[in-house]
Amino acid sequence: MDSEQSGHSEKNLPTQTDAELFLALKGGQTIALGVLYDRHAGLVYGLAYKTLGNPQEAEDLTQDIFLTLARGGSYDPRRGSLRTFLAILTRSRAIDRVRSRSTKLAFLSRWKLGASEETTANSPLEQAFQGERSEEVKAALAQLSESQQQILKMAYYDGFSQSEIAKQLEVPLGTVKARARRGLLKLRETLTDYVG
């Protein structure tokens, strides 16, 4: 009888409210996530795409949002609708990604600017300074692990998204994100005197 009741409740999942589905998901009914995804993935993807402007990044963020929800998230049905919660969470995470991307691009453009200045330096003093700076950059890159160097090269020189890098290297997306972040943080620490 107990299995009939659980089977019956699973059949009724598509007709349940978002709050009921969320509680079912928290109670271990993973099928509820699929119903919530079907209901709200369009909203999440649309908001992500509008902010990020990249379909692959929007897909990645959509997946991240629903994984967050599956892990329990911070949604409280008493405080508002799930749709509003997902919209706010998506917008916040998308803006974080844009800011992160902007920070990385600014860092790299300053770094590349330093490299181009190296080739146009005129005086012997400038050439000596730029040569020393180039050595600092090489030394900073050498301090990164091989995997961090590879991921940063693929991202910033080859133009691959983190999802594409994960597929090419056959590693989880989370691993790529973590290695890229650690690599950039280490580079920033090492090159603080030259960047900014």
C-alpha atoms as a PDB file:
ATOM      1  CA  MET A   1       0.000   0.000   0.000  1.00  0.00           C
ATOM      2  CA  ASP A   2       2.892   2.309   0.846  1.00  0.00           C
ATOM      3  CA  SER A   3       4.423   1.837  -2.627  1.00  0.00           C
ATOM      4  CA  GLU A   4       1.023   2.514  -4.198  1.00  0.00           C
ATOM      5  CA  GLN A   5       0.801   5.788  -2.293  1.00  0.00           C
ATOM      6  CA  SER A   6       4.269   6.902  -3.398  1.00  0.00           C
ATOM      7  CA  GLY A   7       3.497   5.865  -6.985  1.00  0.00           C
ATOM      8  CA  HIS A   8       0.237   7.773  -6.798  1.00  0.00           C
ATOM      9  CA  SER A   9       1.992  10.906  -5.538  1.00  0.00           C
ATOM     10  CA  GLU A  10       4.581  10.691  -8.334  1.00  0.00           C
ATOM     11  CA  LYS A  11       1.774  10.570 -10.915  1.00  0.00           C
ATOM     12  CA  ASN A  12       0.306  13.702  -9.348  1.00  0.00           C
ATOM     13  CA  LEU A  13       3.597  15.628  -9.370  1.00  0.00           C
ATOM     14  CA  PRO A  14       2.845  17.549 -12.592  1.00  0.00           C
ATOM     15  CA  THR A  15      -0.329  18.971 -11.009  1.00  0.00           C
ATOM     16  CA  GLN A  16       1.308  20.012  -7.739  1.00  0.00           C
ATOM     17  CA  THR A  17       2.293  23.586  -6.932  1.00  0.00           C
ATOM     18  CA  ASP A  18       5.928  24.663  -7.087  1.00  0.00           C
ATOM     19  CA  ALA A  19       6.087  24.764  -3.295  1.00  0.00           C
ATOM     20  CA  GLU A  20       4.731  21.194  -3.072  1.00  0.00           C
ATOM     21  CA  LEU A  21       7.210  20.039  -5.704  1.00  0.00           C
ATOM     22  CA  PHE A  22      10.096  21.708  -3.885  1.00  0.00           C
ATOM     23  CA  LEU A  23       9.101  19.981  -0.649  1.00  0.00           C
ATOM     24  CA  ALA A  24       8.812  16.660  -2.547  1.00  0.00           C
ATOM     25  CA  LEU A  25      12.300  17.248  -3.961  1.00  0.00           C
ATOM     26  CA  LYS A  26      13.683  17.954  -0.493  1.00  0.00           C
ATOM     27  CA  GLY A  27      11.918  14.775   0.654  1.00  0.00           C
ATOM     28  CA  GLY A  28      13.906  12.716  -1.845  1.00  0.00           C
ATOM     29  CA  GLN A  29      11.538  12.604  -4.830  1.00  0.00           C
ATOM     30  CA  THR A  30      14.094  13.520  -7.473  1.00  0.00           C
ATOM     31  CA  ILE A  31      11.472  13.292 -10.216  1.00  0.00           C
ATOM     32  CA  ALA A  32      10.088  16.577  -8.836  1.00  0.00           C
ATOM     33  CA  LEU A  33      13.219  18.329 -10.139  1.00  0.00           C
ATOM     34  CA  GLY A  34      12.314  17.311 -13.684  1.00  0.00           C
ATOM     35  CA  VAL A  35       8.847  18.801 -13.321  1.00  0.00           C
ATOM     36  CA  LEU A  36      10.280  22.041 -11.893  1.00  0.00           C
ATOM     37  CA  TYR A  37      12.865  22.113 -14.670  1.00  0.00           C
ATOM     38  CA  ASP A  38      10.174  21.684 -17.335  1.00  0.00           C
ATOM     39  CA  ARG A  39       8.187  24.541 -15.788  1.00  0.00           C
ATOM     40  CA  HIS A  40      10.961  27.050 -15.236  1.00  0.00           C
ATOM     41  CA  ALA A  41      14.005  26.248 -17.407  1.00  0.00           C
ATOM     42  CA  GLY A  42      12.754  28.602 -20.135  1.00  0.00           C
ATOM     43  CA  LEU A  43      12.623  31.519 -17.694  1.00  0.00           C
ATOM     44  CA  VAL A  44      16.045  30.726 -16.221  1.00  0.00           C
ATOM     45  CA  TYR A  45      17.688  30.228 -19.617  1.00  0.00           C
ATOM     46  CA  GLY A  46      16.076  33.383 -21.037  1.00  0.00           C
ATOM     47  CA  LEU A  47      17.311  35.553 -18.168  1.00  0.00           C
ATOM     48  CA  ALA A  48      20.764  33.955 -18.284  1.00  0.00           C
ATOM     49  CA  TYR A  49      21.053  34.438 -22.041  1.00  0.00           C
ATOM     50  CA  LYS A  50      19.858  38.058 -21.849  1.00  0.00           C
ATOM     51  CA  THR A  51      22.576  38.867 -19.301  1.00  0.00           C
ATOM     52  CA  LEU A  52      25.421  36.678 -20.586  1.00  0.00           C
ATOM     53  CA  GLY A  53      24.782  36.919 -24.335  1.00  0.00           C
ATOM     54  CA  ASN A  54      26.223  33.442 -24.902  1.00  0.00           C
ATOM     55  CA  PRO A  55      24.012  30.341 -25.386  1.00  0.00           C
ATOM     56  CA  GLN A  56      26.568  27.914 -23.925  1.00  0.00           C
ATOM     57  CA  GLU A  57      27.131  30.047 -20.836  1.00  0.00           C
ATOM     58  CA  ALA A  58      23.353  30.435 -20.448  1.00  0.00           C
ATOM     59  CA  GLU A  59      22.944  26.636 -20.615  1.00  0.00           C
ATOM     60  CA  ASP A  60      25.717  26.183 -18.040  1.00  0.00           C
ATOM     61  CA  LEU A  61      24.115  28.688 -15.702  1.00  0.00           C
ATOM     62  CA  THR A  62      20.670  27.106 -16.146  1.00  0.00           C
ATOM     63  CA  GLN A  63      22.128  23.755 -15.152  1.00  0.00           C
ATOM     64  CA  ASP A  64      23.902  25.331 -12.152  1.00  0.00           C
ATOM     65  CA  ILE A  65      20.684  26.997 -10.965  1.00  0.00           C
ATOM     66  CA  PHE A  66      18.744  23.728 -11.002  1.00  0.00           C
ATOM     67  CA  LEU A  67      21.619  21.852  -9.340  1.00  0.00           C
ATOM     68  CA  THR A  68      21.532  24.479  -6.596  1.00  0.00           C
ATOM     69  CA  LEU A  69      17.797  23.895  -6.260  1.00  0.00           C
ATOM     70  CA  ALA A  70      18.308  20.112  -6.148  1.00  0.00           C
ATOM     71  CA  ARG A  71      20.823  20.509  -3.321  1.00  0.00           C
ATOM     72  CA  GLY A  72      18.218  22.306  -1.261  1.00  0.00           C
ATOM     73  CA  GLY A  73      19.104  25.838  -2.275  1.00  0.00           C
ATOM     74  CA  SER A  74      17.958  28.633  -0.009  1.00  0.00           C
ATOM     75  CA  TYR A  75      14.395  28.755  -1.281  1.00  0.00           C
ATOM     76  CA  ASP A  76      11.694  29.166   1.346  1.00  0.00           C
ATOM     77  CA  PRO A  77       8.163  28.679  -0.047  1.00  0.00           C
ATOM     78  CA  ARG A  78       6.777  30.948   2.710  1.00  0.00           C
ATOM     79  CA  ARG A  79       8.771  33.933   1.423  1.00  0.00           C
ATOM     80  CA  GLY A  80       7.547  33.985  -2.178  1.00  0.00           C
ATOM     81  CA  SER A  81       7.105  32.053  -5.376  1.00  0.00           C
ATOM     82  CA  LEU A  82       9.721  29.689  -6.725  1.00  0.00           C
ATOM     83  CA  ARG A  83       9.566  31.519 -10.054  1.00  0.00           C
ATOM     84  CA  THR A  84      10.579  34.790  -8.392  1.00  0.00           C
ATOM     85  CA  PHE A  85      13.312  33.032  -6.408  1.00  0.00           C
ATOM     86  CA  LEU A  86      14.720  31.429  -9.591  1.00  0.00           C
ATOM     87  CA  ALA A  87      14.600  34.755 -11.461  1.00  0.00           C
ATOM     88  CA  ILE A  88      16.470  36.600  -8.703  1.00  0.00           C
ATOM     89  CA  LEU A  89      19.019  33.787  -8.285  1.00  0.00           C
ATOM     90  CA  THR A  90      19.616  33.571 -12.046  1.00  0.00           C
ATOM     91  CA  ARG A  91      20.043  37.305 -12.455  1.00  0.00           C
ATOM     92  CA  SER A  92      22.424  37.477  -9.490  1.00  0.00           C
ATOM     93  CA  ARG A  93      24.568  34.558 -10.681  1.00  0.00           C
ATOM     94  CA  ALA A  94      24.623  35.854 -14.272  1.00  0.00           C
ATOM     95  CA  ILE A  95      25.782  39.293 -13.109  1.00  0.00           C
ATOM     96  CA  ASP A  96      28.478  37.600 -11.001  1.00  0.00           C
ATOM     97  CA  ARG A  97      29.670  35.755 -14.098  1.00  0.00           C
ATOM     98  CA  VAL A  98      29.733  38.940 -16.177  1.00  0.00           C
ATOM     99  CA  ARG A  99      31.737  40.704 -13.452  1.00  0.00           C
ATOM    100  CA  SER A 100      34.111  37.764 -13.199  1.00  0.00           C
ATOM    101  CA  ARG A 101      34.529  37.708 -16.977  1.00  0.00           C
ATOM    102  CA  SER A 102      35.156  41.475 -17.024  1.00  0.00           C
ATOM    103  CA  THR A 103      37.766  41.179 -14.283  1.00  0.00           C
ATOM    104  CA  LYS A 104      39.558  38.388 -16.153  1.00  0.00           C
ATOM    105  CA  LEU A 105      39.446  40.285 -19.453  1.00  0.00           C
ATOM    106  CA  ALA A 106      40.734  43.477 -17.832  1.00  0.00           C
ATOM    107  CA  PHE A 107      43.560  41.525 -16.212  1.00  0.00           C
ATOM    108  CA  LEU A 108      44.492  39.903 -19.509  1.00  0.00           C
ATOM    109  CA  SER A 109      44.252  43.112 -21.512  1.00  0.00           C
ATOM    110  CA  ARG A 110      46.581  44.848 -19.035  1.00  0.00           C
ATOM    111  CA  TRP A 111      48.884  41.858 -19.225  1.00  0.00           C
ATOM    112  CA  LYS A 112      48.803  41.839 -23.057  1.00  0.00           C
ATOM    113  CA  LEU A 113      49.328  45.610 -23.090  1.00  0.00           C
ATOM    114  CA  GLY A 114      52.488  45.058 -21.084  1.00  0.00           C
ATOM    115  CA  ALA A 115      53.601  42.452 -23.604  1.00  0.00           C
ATOM    116  CA  SER A 116      52.951  44.788 -26.565  1.00  0.00           C
ATOM    117  CA  GLU A 117      54.778  47.627 -24.814  1.00  0.00           C
ATOM    118  CA  GLU A 118      57.684  45.248 -24.540  1.00  0.00           C
ATOM    119  CA  THR A 119      57.974  45.089 -28.325  1.00  0.00           C
ATOM    120  CA  THR A 120      57.754  48.889 -28.779  1.00  0.00           C
ATOM    121  CA  ALA A 121      60.061  50.016 -25.971  1.00  0.00           C
ATOM    122  CA  ASN A 122      62.524  52.653 -27.189  1.00  0.00           C
ATOM    123  CA  SER A 123      65.143  53.540 -24.641  1.00  0.00           C
ATOM    124  CA  PRO A 124      67.637  50.998 -23.263  1.00  0.00           C
ATOM    125  CA  LEU A 125      66.204  51.679 -19.780  1.00  0.00           C
ATOM    126  CA  GLU A 126      62.643  50.913 -20.990  1.00  0.00           C
ATOM    127  CA  GLN A 127      63.892  47.778 -22.736  1.00  0.00           C
ATOM    128  CA  ALA A 128      65.604  46.603 -19.565  1.00  0.00           C
ATOM    129  CA  PHE A 129      62.462  47.282 -17.504  1.00  0.00           C
ATOM    130  CA  GLN A 130      60.195  45.512 -20.013  1.00  0.00           C
ATOM    131  CA  GLY A 131      62.584  42.546 -20.194  1.00  0.00           C
ATOM    132  CA  GLU A 132      62.456  42.280 -16.418  1.00  0.00           C
ATOM    133  CA  ARG A 133      58.650  42.500 -16.522  1.00  0.00           C
ATOM    134  CA  SER A 134      58.460  39.771 -19.146  1.00  0.00           C
ATOM    135  CA  GLU A 135      60.616  37.556 -16.948  1.00  0.00           C
ATOM    136  CA  GLU A 136      58.233  38.224 -14.038  1.00  0.00           C
ATOM    137  CA  VAL A 137      55.260  37.146 -16.165  1.00  0.00           C
ATOM    138  CA  LYS A 138      57.082  34.005 -17.307  1.00  0.00           C
ATOM    139  CA  ALA A 139      58.051  33.228 -13.726  1.00  0.00           C
ATOM    140  CA  ALA A 140      54.456  33.778 -12.550  1.00  0.00           C
ATOM    141  CA  LEU A 141      53.087  31.469 -15.245  1.00  0.00           C
ATOM    142  CA  ALA A 142      55.693  28.848 -14.390  1.00  0.00           C
ATOM    143  CA  GLN A 143      54.369  28.786 -10.811  1.00  0.00           C
ATOM    144  CA  LEU A 144      50.987  27.554 -12.034  1.00  0.00           C
ATOM    145  CA  SER A 145      50.298  23.855 -12.314  1.00  0.00           C
ATOM    146  CA  GLU A 146      50.426  22.382 -15.805  1.00  0.00           C
ATOM    147  CA  SER A 147      46.640  21.911 -15.797  1.00  0.00           C
ATOM    148  CA  GLN A 148      46.057  25.551 -14.766  1.00  0.00           C
ATOM    149  CA  GLN A 149      48.385  26.786 -17.526  1.00  0.00           C
ATOM    150  CA  GLN A 150      46.613  24.572 -20.068  1.00  0.00           C
ATOM    151  CA  ILE A 151      43.114  25.754 -19.075  1.00  0.00           C
ATOM    152  CA  LEU A 152      44.074  29.448 -19.045  1.00  0.00           C
ATOM    153  CA  LYS A 153      45.769  29.102 -22.444  1.00  0.00           C
ATOM    154  CA  MET A 154      42.705  27.377 -23.921  1.00  0.00           C
ATOM    155  CA  ALA A 155      40.378  30.015 -22.454  1.00  0.00           C
ATOM    156  CA  TYR A 156      42.284  33.175 -23.251  1.00  0.00           C
ATOM    157  CA  TYR A 157      44.380  32.388 -26.290  1.00  0.00           C
ATOM    158  CA  ASP A 158      42.213  29.793 -28.032  1.00  0.00           C
ATOM    159  CA  GLY A 159      38.910  31.386 -26.987  1.00  0.00           C
ATOM    160  CA  PHE A 160      37.241  28.231 -25.641  1.00  0.00           C
ATOM    161  CA  SER A 161      34.424  28.452 -23.075  1.00  0.00           C
ATOM    162  CA  GLN A 162      34.839  26.543 -19.839  1.00  0.00           C
ATOM    163  CA  SER A 163      32.278  23.998 -21.085  1.00  0.00           C
ATOM    164  CA  GLU A 164      34.268  23.440 -24.279  1.00  0.00           C
ATOM    165  CA  ILE A 165      37.474  23.039 -22.278  1.00  0.00           C
ATOM    166  CA  ALA A 166      35.780  20.479 -20.008  1.00  0.00           C
ATOM    167  CA  LYS A 167      34.666  18.466 -23.064  1.00  0.00           C
ATOM    168  CA  GLN A 168      38.076  18.634 -24.750  1.00  0.00           C
ATOM    169  CA  LEU A 169      39.993  17.676 -21.615  1.00  0.00           C
ATOM    170  CA  GLU A 170      37.311  15.171 -20.559  1.00  0.00           C
ATOM    171  CA  VAL A 171      37.104  16.578 -17.026  1.00  0.00           C
ATOM    172  CA  PRO A 172      34.080  17.880 -15.090  1.00  0.00           C
ATOM    173  CA  LEU A 173      33.096  21.503 -15.673  1.00  0.00           C
ATOM    174  CA  GLY A 174      33.525  22.222 -11.957  1.00  0.00           C
ATOM    175  CA  THR A 175      37.143  21.066 -12.163  1.00  0.00           C
ATOM    176  CA  VAL A 176      37.826  23.429 -15.084  1.00  0.00           C
ATOM    177  CA  LYS A 177      36.215  26.340 -13.223  1.00  0.00           C
ATOM    178  CA  ALA A 178      38.179  25.630 -10.044  1.00  0.00           C
ATOM    179  CA  ARG A 179      41.530  25.298 -11.845  1.00  0.00           C
ATOM    180  CA  ALA A 180      40.951  28.471 -13.874  1.00  0.00           C
ATOM    181  CA  ARG A 181      39.997  30.426 -10.762  1.00  0.00           C
ATOM    182  CA  ARG A 182      42.980  29.181  -8.748  1.00  0.00           C
ATOM    183  CA  GLY A 183      45.311  29.905 -11.664  1.00  0.00           C
ATOM    184  CA  LEU A 184      44.030  33.449 -12.125  1.00  0.00           C
ATOM    185  CA  LEU A 185      44.200  34.165  -8.409  1.00  0.00           C
ATOM    186  CA  LYS A 186      47.778  32.917  -8.244  1.00  0.00           C
ATOM    187  CA  LEU A 187      48.741  34.985 -11.300  1.00  0.00           C
ATOM    188  CA  ARG A 188      47.112  38.057  -9.806  1.00  0.00           C
ATOM    189  CA  GLU A 189      48.966  37.591  -6.515  1.00  0.00           C
ATOM    190  CA  THR A 190      52.288  37.146  -8.278  1.00  0.00           C
ATOM    191  CA  LEU A 191      51.822  40.018 -10.726  1.00  0.00           C
ATOM    192  CA  THR A 192      50.216  42.543  -8.359  1.00  0.00           C
ATOM    193  CA  ASP A 193      53.138  44.937  -8.776  1.00  0.00           C
ATOM    194  CA  TYR A 194      52.718  44.989 -12.553  1.00  0.00           C
ATOM    195  CA  VAL A 195      48.939  44.951 -12.954  1.00  0.00           C
ATOM    196  CA  GLY A 196      47.044  47.833 -11.464  1.00  0.00           C
END
